[in-house]
Protein backbone atom coordinates (compact mmCIF):
# COMPACT_ATOMS: atom_id res chain seq x y z
CA MET A 1 -7.30 -6.48 8.81
CA ASP A 2 -8.76 -9.25 6.85
CA ALA A 3 -6.82 -9.03 3.99
CA TYR A 4 -3.86 -10.11 5.77
CA TYR A 5 -4.56 -13.83 6.09
CA ASN A 6 -5.74 -14.11 2.14
CA TYR A 7 -2.55 -12.35 1.32
CA THR A 8 -0.38 -14.86 3.39
CA VAL A 9 -1.33 -18.15 1.55
CA PHE A 10 -1.95 -18.99 -1.95
CA PRO A 11 -3.50 -17.68 -3.78
CA GLY A 12 -2.85 -14.24 -2.21
CA ASN A 13 0.41 -12.77 -2.42
CA THR A 14 1.12 -13.69 -6.54
CA TYR A 15 4.94 -14.14 -5.67
CA ASP A 16 4.47 -17.86 -5.63
CA TYR A 17 5.50 -17.08 -1.67
CA SER A 18 4.02 -18.82 1.31
CA PRO A 19 5.61 -17.40 4.48
CA PHE A 20 4.05 -19.66 6.89
CA ASN A 21 4.11 -23.05 8.32
CA ALA A 22 0.90 -24.59 9.08
CA SER A 23 1.20 -24.00 12.71
CA VAL A 24 1.92 -20.50 12.29
CA GLN A 25 -1.25 -20.58 9.92
CA GLU A 26 -3.55 -21.71 12.02
CA GLN A 27 -2.49 -19.23 14.95
CA PHE A 28 -1.95 -16.54 13.03
CA TYR A 29 -5.94 -17.37 11.78
CA ASN A 30 -7.07 -17.72 15.25
CA GLN A 31 -5.44 -14.01 16.23
CA LEU A 32 -7.36 -12.54 13.68
CA TYR A 33 -10.76 -14.17 13.78
CA GLY A 34 -10.84 -16.22 17.24
CA PRO A 35 -13.49 -15.17 19.85
CA GLY A 36 -12.47 -11.83 21.66
CA ASN A 37 -9.10 -11.27 19.31
CA CYS A 38 -8.38 -8.67 16.52
CA VAL A 39 -11.71 -8.55 14.47
CA ASP A 40 -13.54 -8.69 17.56
CA GLN A 41 -11.51 -6.33 19.39
CA ILE A 42 -11.85 -3.51 16.18
CA LYS A 43 -15.78 -4.53 16.38
CA ASP A 44 -15.46 -3.50 20.00
CA CYS A 45 -14.03 -0.30 19.19
CA ALA A 46 -16.17 0.87 16.67
CA ALA A 47 -19.21 0.16 18.87
CA ARG A 48 -17.74 1.71 22.06
CA GLY A 49 -15.49 4.69 20.53
CA LEU A 50 -13.18 4.63 23.69
CA ASN A 51 -9.44 5.45 23.65
CA ASN A 52 -8.59 2.66 26.27
CA ILE A 53 -10.69 -0.16 24.03
CA CYS A 54 -9.44 1.17 20.69
CA GLU A 55 -5.76 1.26 21.78
CA SER A 56 -6.07 -1.89 23.42
CA ALA A 57 -7.37 -3.18 19.82
CA ASP A 58 -4.75 -1.41 18.07
CA ASN A 59 -1.83 -3.07 20.04
CA PHE A 60 -3.62 -6.39 19.62
CA CYS A 61 -4.04 -6.13 16.00
CA TYR A 62 -0.11 -5.03 15.52
CA TYR A 63 1.88 -7.54 17.90
CA LEU A 64 -0.07 -10.62 17.06
CA VAL A 65 -1.54 -9.67 13.39
CA GLU A 66 0.43 -7.40 11.75
CA GLU A 67 3.63 -8.28 12.73
CA VAL A 68 3.78 -12.01 12.34
CA LEU A 69 4.99 -11.51 9.36
CA PRO A 70 8.66 -9.79 10.06
CA ASP A 71 9.08 -12.09 13.52
CA ASN A 72 8.27 -15.18 11.87
CA THR A 73 10.41 -14.28 8.01
CA ASN A 74 12.23 -11.43 9.08
CA ARG A 75 10.35 -10.24 5.64
CA ASP A 76 9.38 -6.38 4.83
CA GLU A 77 6.08 -6.04 5.60
CA TYR A 78 6.05 -2.90 2.98
CA ASP A 79 7.62 -5.57 0.57
CA ILE A 80 7.82 -9.11 1.43
CA ARG A 81 10.31 -9.74 -1.31
CA GLU A 82 13.01 -8.13 0.57
CA LEU A 83 14.37 -8.88 3.85
CA GLN A 84 15.22 -6.87 6.81
CA PRO A 85 17.00 -4.30 7.13
CA ASP A 86 15.44 -3.38 3.55
CA PRO A 87 17.51 -0.66 2.03
CA PHE A 88 14.19 0.21 -0.53
CA PRO A 89 13.31 2.96 -1.09
CA TYR A 90 16.47 5.09 -0.51
CA ALA A 91 15.91 7.77 2.06
CA PHE A 92 18.51 10.49 0.31
CA TYR A 93 15.54 12.67 -0.90
CA VAL A 94 14.83 14.03 2.13
CA ASP A 95 18.29 15.75 2.11
CA TYR A 96 17.09 16.89 -1.49
CA LEU A 97 13.85 18.48 -0.50
CA ASN A 98 15.76 20.34 2.36
CA THR A 99 18.47 22.54 0.18
CA PRO A 100 17.95 25.92 -0.09
CA GLU A 101 17.62 25.85 -3.74
CA VAL A 102 14.44 23.29 -3.60
CA GLN A 103 13.17 24.88 -0.65
CA LYS A 104 13.07 28.50 -2.59
CA ALA A 105 11.60 26.78 -5.75
CA ILE A 106 8.34 25.26 -4.02
CA GLY A 107 8.00 28.02 -1.30
CA ALA A 108 8.75 25.54 1.87
CA TYR A 109 9.39 27.85 4.72
CA GLN A 110 10.38 24.45 6.87
CA ASN A 111 12.35 21.62 6.51
CA PHE A 112 10.47 18.06 5.61
CA SER A 113 10.89 15.22 7.77
CA GLU A 114 9.12 11.77 6.69
CA SER A 115 7.37 11.51 10.22
CA SER A 116 6.86 12.67 13.08
CA SER A 117 7.30 10.40 16.79
CA THR A 118 5.34 13.42 18.81
CA VAL A 119 2.41 12.69 16.19
CA GLY A 120 2.76 8.67 15.69
CA ASN A 121 2.70 8.86 19.87
CA ALA A 122 -0.54 10.43 19.53
CA PHE A 123 -2.26 8.61 17.25
CA SER A 124 -1.11 5.18 19.42
CA THR A 125 -2.67 6.05 22.61
CA THR A 126 -6.06 6.59 20.82
CA GLY A 127 -5.63 3.56 19.05
CA ASP A 128 -6.42 5.51 15.77
CA ASP A 129 -5.34 2.70 13.39
CA ASN A 130 -8.37 0.64 14.90
CA ARG A 131 -10.84 3.17 14.11
CA GLU A 132 -13.54 4.06 11.60
CA VAL A 133 -13.02 6.90 10.48
CA GLY A 134 -15.62 7.18 7.61
CA THR A 135 -13.28 6.56 5.00
CA ILE A 136 -15.71 4.73 2.33
CA GLU A 137 -18.48 7.21 2.82
CA ALA A 138 -16.21 10.24 2.41
CA LEU A 139 -15.23 8.78 -1.06
CA LYS A 140 -18.71 8.09 -1.94
CA LYS A 141 -19.20 11.88 -1.40
CA LEU A 142 -16.24 12.87 -3.70
CA LEU A 143 -17.63 10.65 -6.12
CA GLU A 144 -21.09 12.31 -5.65
CA GLN A 145 -19.42 15.78 -6.51
CA GLY A 146 -18.06 14.50 -9.67
CA ILE A 147 -14.19 14.10 -8.13
CA TYR A 148 -11.64 11.52 -10.00
CA VAL A 149 -10.90 9.07 -7.21
CA LEU A 150 -8.12 6.47 -7.50
CA LEU A 151 -7.29 3.63 -5.23
CA TYR A 152 -3.87 2.12 -6.27
CA ALA A 153 -1.35 -0.35 -4.15
CA GLY A 154 1.63 -2.32 -4.66
CA ASP A 155 1.18 -6.18 -5.25
CA ALA A 156 4.33 -7.07 -2.83
CA ASP A 157 2.83 -4.66 0.11
CA TYR A 158 1.96 -6.94 2.68
CA ASN A 159 0.99 -4.16 5.39
CA CYS A 160 -1.42 -2.42 3.00
CA ASN A 161 -1.99 -5.03 0.21
CA TRP A 162 -3.62 -4.84 -2.80
CA LEU A 163 -6.22 -7.23 -1.71
CA GLY A 164 -7.67 -5.02 1.17
CA GLY A 165 -7.30 -1.90 -0.92
CA GLU A 166 -9.33 -4.36 -3.34
CA ALA A 167 -11.87 -5.23 -0.74
CA VAL A 168 -12.22 -1.23 -0.14
CA ALA A 169 -13.20 -0.69 -3.50
CA HIS A 170 -15.96 -3.25 -3.93
CA GLU A 171 -17.51 -1.29 -0.52
CA ILE A 172 -17.29 2.04 -2.10
CA ASN A 173 -18.91 -0.11 -5.28
CA PRO A 174 -20.25 3.06 -7.37
CA PRO A 175 -22.78 2.71 -10.33
CA GLY A 176 -20.97 0.04 -12.64
CA PHE A 177 -18.28 -0.80 -10.89
CA SER A 178 -19.42 -4.53 -10.00
CA SER A 179 -19.86 -4.59 -13.83
CA ALA A 180 -16.33 -3.67 -14.76
CA GLY A 181 -13.47 -5.93 -15.19
CA TYR A 182 -9.60 -5.66 -15.10
CA THR A 183 -7.36 -5.20 -17.92
CA ASN A 184 -4.01 -4.13 -18.64
CA ILE A 185 -2.54 -0.79 -18.05
CA SER A 186 -0.68 0.60 -21.05
CA THR A 187 2.46 3.13 -20.39
CA SER A 188 4.40 4.88 -22.68
CA ASP A 189 7.42 1.51 -22.73
CA ALA A 190 5.10 -0.71 -23.72
CA THR A 191 5.44 -2.74 -20.61
CA VAL A 192 2.34 -4.10 -18.57
CA HIS A 193 3.08 -2.85 -15.03
CA GLY A 194 -0.53 -3.65 -13.77
CA GLN A 195 -4.04 -3.87 -13.97
CA VAL A 196 -6.94 -1.78 -13.34
CA LYS A 197 -10.67 -2.03 -12.79
CA GLN A 198 -12.79 1.04 -13.50
CA ALA A 199 -16.07 2.62 -13.70
CA SER A 200 -16.57 6.02 -15.03
CA SER A 201 -14.40 8.23 -12.33
CA PHE A 202 -13.53 5.31 -9.86
CA ALA A 203 -10.48 3.33 -10.51
CA PHE A 204 -8.81 0.59 -8.73
CA ALA A 205 -5.40 -0.14 -9.69
CA ARG A 206 -2.76 -3.35 -8.80
CA ILE A 207 0.73 -2.46 -9.58
CA TYR A 208 2.85 -5.35 -10.07
CA GLU A 209 6.52 -5.67 -8.86
CA SER A 210 6.10 -2.61 -5.95
CA GLY A 211 6.26 -2.85 -2.57
CA HIS A 212 4.37 0.04 -0.58
CA GLU A 213 5.79 3.40 -2.15
CA VAL A 214 4.72 2.41 -5.51
CA PRO A 215 6.11 5.31 -7.44
CA PHE A 216 9.74 4.26 -6.54
CA TYR A 217 9.24 0.81 -7.34
CA GLN A 218 7.14 1.86 -10.67
CA PRO A 219 8.73 5.33 -11.56
CA LEU A 220 7.15 5.69 -15.14
CA ALA A 221 3.98 3.92 -14.60
CA SER A 222 3.23 5.74 -11.22
CA LEU A 223 3.54 9.21 -13.35
CA GLU A 224 1.67 8.13 -16.02
CA ILE A 225 -1.27 7.12 -14.32
CA PHE A 226 -1.06 9.94 -12.13
CA GLU A 227 -1.04 12.38 -15.05
CA ARG A 228 -4.15 10.17 -16.02
CA ALA A 229 -5.85 10.63 -13.16
CA ILE A 230 -5.13 14.34 -12.83
CA LYS A 231 -6.24 15.34 -16.51
CA GLY A 232 -9.72 12.72 -16.13
CA LEU A 233 -8.53 10.21 -18.07
CA ASP A 234 -9.00 6.32 -17.74
CA ILE A 235 -6.67 4.86 -16.13
CA ALA A 236 -5.92 2.03 -18.59
CA THR A 237 -4.84 3.73 -21.84
CA GLY A 238 -5.16 7.79 -20.99
CA GLU A 239 -7.07 7.68 -24.17
CA CYS A 240 -10.50 8.25 -23.03
CA LYS A 241 -12.00 11.39 -20.85
CA VAL A 242 -14.07 9.71 -17.82
CA SER A 243 -14.37 12.44 -15.16
CA GLY A 244 -17.21 14.92 -13.74
CA ARG A 245 -20.86 13.79 -13.36
CA GLY A 246 -22.67 13.11 -16.52
CA ASN A 247 -18.86 13.46 -18.40
CA GLY A 248 -17.72 9.64 -19.37
CA SER A 249 -20.33 8.30 -16.96
CA GLY A 250 -20.58 5.35 -19.08
CA TYR A 251 -17.28 4.28 -19.07
CA LEU A 252 -16.11 0.64 -17.96
CA THR A 253 -12.99 -1.46 -18.13
CA LYS A 254 -13.96 -4.77 -20.17
CA GLY A 255 -11.75 -7.99 -18.70
CA THR A 256 -12.35 -10.89 -15.95
CA ALA A 257 -13.07 -10.46 -12.59
CA GLN A 258 -10.35 -10.57 -10.89
CA SER A 259 -6.51 -9.90 -11.18
CA THR A 260 -5.12 -12.96 -11.79
CA TYR A 261 -1.53 -12.71 -12.86
CA ARG A 262 1.35 -14.11 -10.97
CA GLU A 263 4.83 -12.54 -10.69
CA GLY A 264 6.19 -15.68 -9.42
CA ASN A 265 9.26 -15.78 -7.02
CA GLY A 266 11.61 -14.57 -9.70
CA THR A 267 12.05 -11.50 -7.57
CA ILE A 268 12.24 -12.55 -3.69
CA VAL A 269 15.45 -11.73 -2.44
CA TRP A 270 16.56 -14.74 -0.31
CA ASP A 271 19.60 -12.76 1.31
CA VAL A 272 20.17 -9.44 3.29
CA LEU A 273 21.01 -6.56 1.09
CA PRO A 274 23.73 -4.23 1.65
CA VAL A 275 23.02 -0.69 2.41
CA SER A 276 24.34 0.77 -0.61
CA ALA A 277 22.50 -1.81 -2.91
CA ILE A 278 20.32 0.03 -6.02
CA TYR A 279 16.94 -1.19 -7.15
CA ASN A 280 16.21 -2.04 -10.91
CA THR A 281 13.27 -0.73 -11.85
CA THR A 282 13.22 -2.85 -14.95
CA THR A 283 13.95 -6.02 -13.72
CA GLY A 284 12.52 -5.74 -10.05
CA MET A 285 15.45 -6.91 -8.54
CA PRO A 286 18.02 -5.00 -6.62
CA GLY A 287 21.41 -4.54 -9.16
CA ALA A 288 24.66 -3.62 -7.94
CA ALA A 289 25.73 -2.20 -4.80
CA VAL A 290 27.56 1.06 -5.31
CA GLY A 291 29.65 3.72 -2.68
CA LYS A 292 28.32 4.79 0.47
CA ARG A 293 24.94 6.95 0.48
CA ALA A 294 24.47 9.69 2.43
CA SER A 295 21.10 9.34 4.40
CA SER A 296 20.56 5.71 3.27
CA GLY A 297 18.18 5.23 5.69
CA LYS A 298 15.11 3.83 4.43
CA ARG A 299 11.57 5.44 4.84
CA GLY A 300 13.12 7.61 7.92
CA LEU A 301 11.18 6.69 11.41
CA GLN A 302 9.63 3.85 9.70
CA GLY A 303 11.01 0.49 12.23
CA LYS A 304 12.03 2.60 15.00
CA LEU A 305 10.35 2.13 17.99
CA SER A 306 7.51 4.60 19.39
CA HIS A 307 6.62 4.57 23.49
CA ALA A 308 4.56 1.61 22.90
CA GLY A 309 6.96 0.04 21.14
CA LYS A 310 5.19 -0.17 18.20
CA LYS A 311 7.05 0.65 14.40
CA PHE A 312 5.79 4.36 13.10
CA LYS A 313 4.00 3.92 9.63
CA ILE A 314 4.33 5.83 7.21
């Protein structure tokens, strides 16, 4: 939750876009940090662990912190560049995955669905969004076992924003990470799509011009980054072996202490896009609209309400 406020005021998001006026900013800050409000309720949930306490904290933080952005700006909390309803990413891939040919090829025995209202409601009633679930400790254990860990985030995503991801990376803080710097990620198209900070087999990457589902917005960079992680190579170049205990343990990226590149507001959309709009992954902007697609909705159930009135998040 700490990252929400930082992301919404300068120099938080890197699109030179300030979504709130001074009055809303002040109200937002109080709802996040004020006595008895979001952060305090999260701490109470962590201390007592009771379902009703955690559910109450979850609801408070959702309605009075997370939803402040879409409620006041009508912007997509998964991509602040876009207005709602946002046609990106497309959802017709679900139809593709559910074709008999694809299911047979991958050995699937049931249809793919993006999310489940039953599961979402179950998590909501126990306030799981606001629980401390030991993620940082679990990731530390993976690193101790020599397992490669890569965290990355699209820098236009407000909900799971990169500043919050960076804070988590610093909490994990494996040996050498605090001494590493941000460096550009090189890819085969000779375009810089982001920056990475890495120490041995732990890396945190910020991906430019990307919303929540990074592979949709930056497909080539996402694929090459994924391949590098799978092969145990450095994220920046894919040329250095870094994974495994004692293997590449001295690798550190060199660069600035912070990732300071700012895209500016050239890709901010000021009008609601048609559902048939096409996203141009080269320009980071919508292209010409096309004919109506099948299953053109976005992220399945994301945006639909559960019994508690909350949007399901994927």
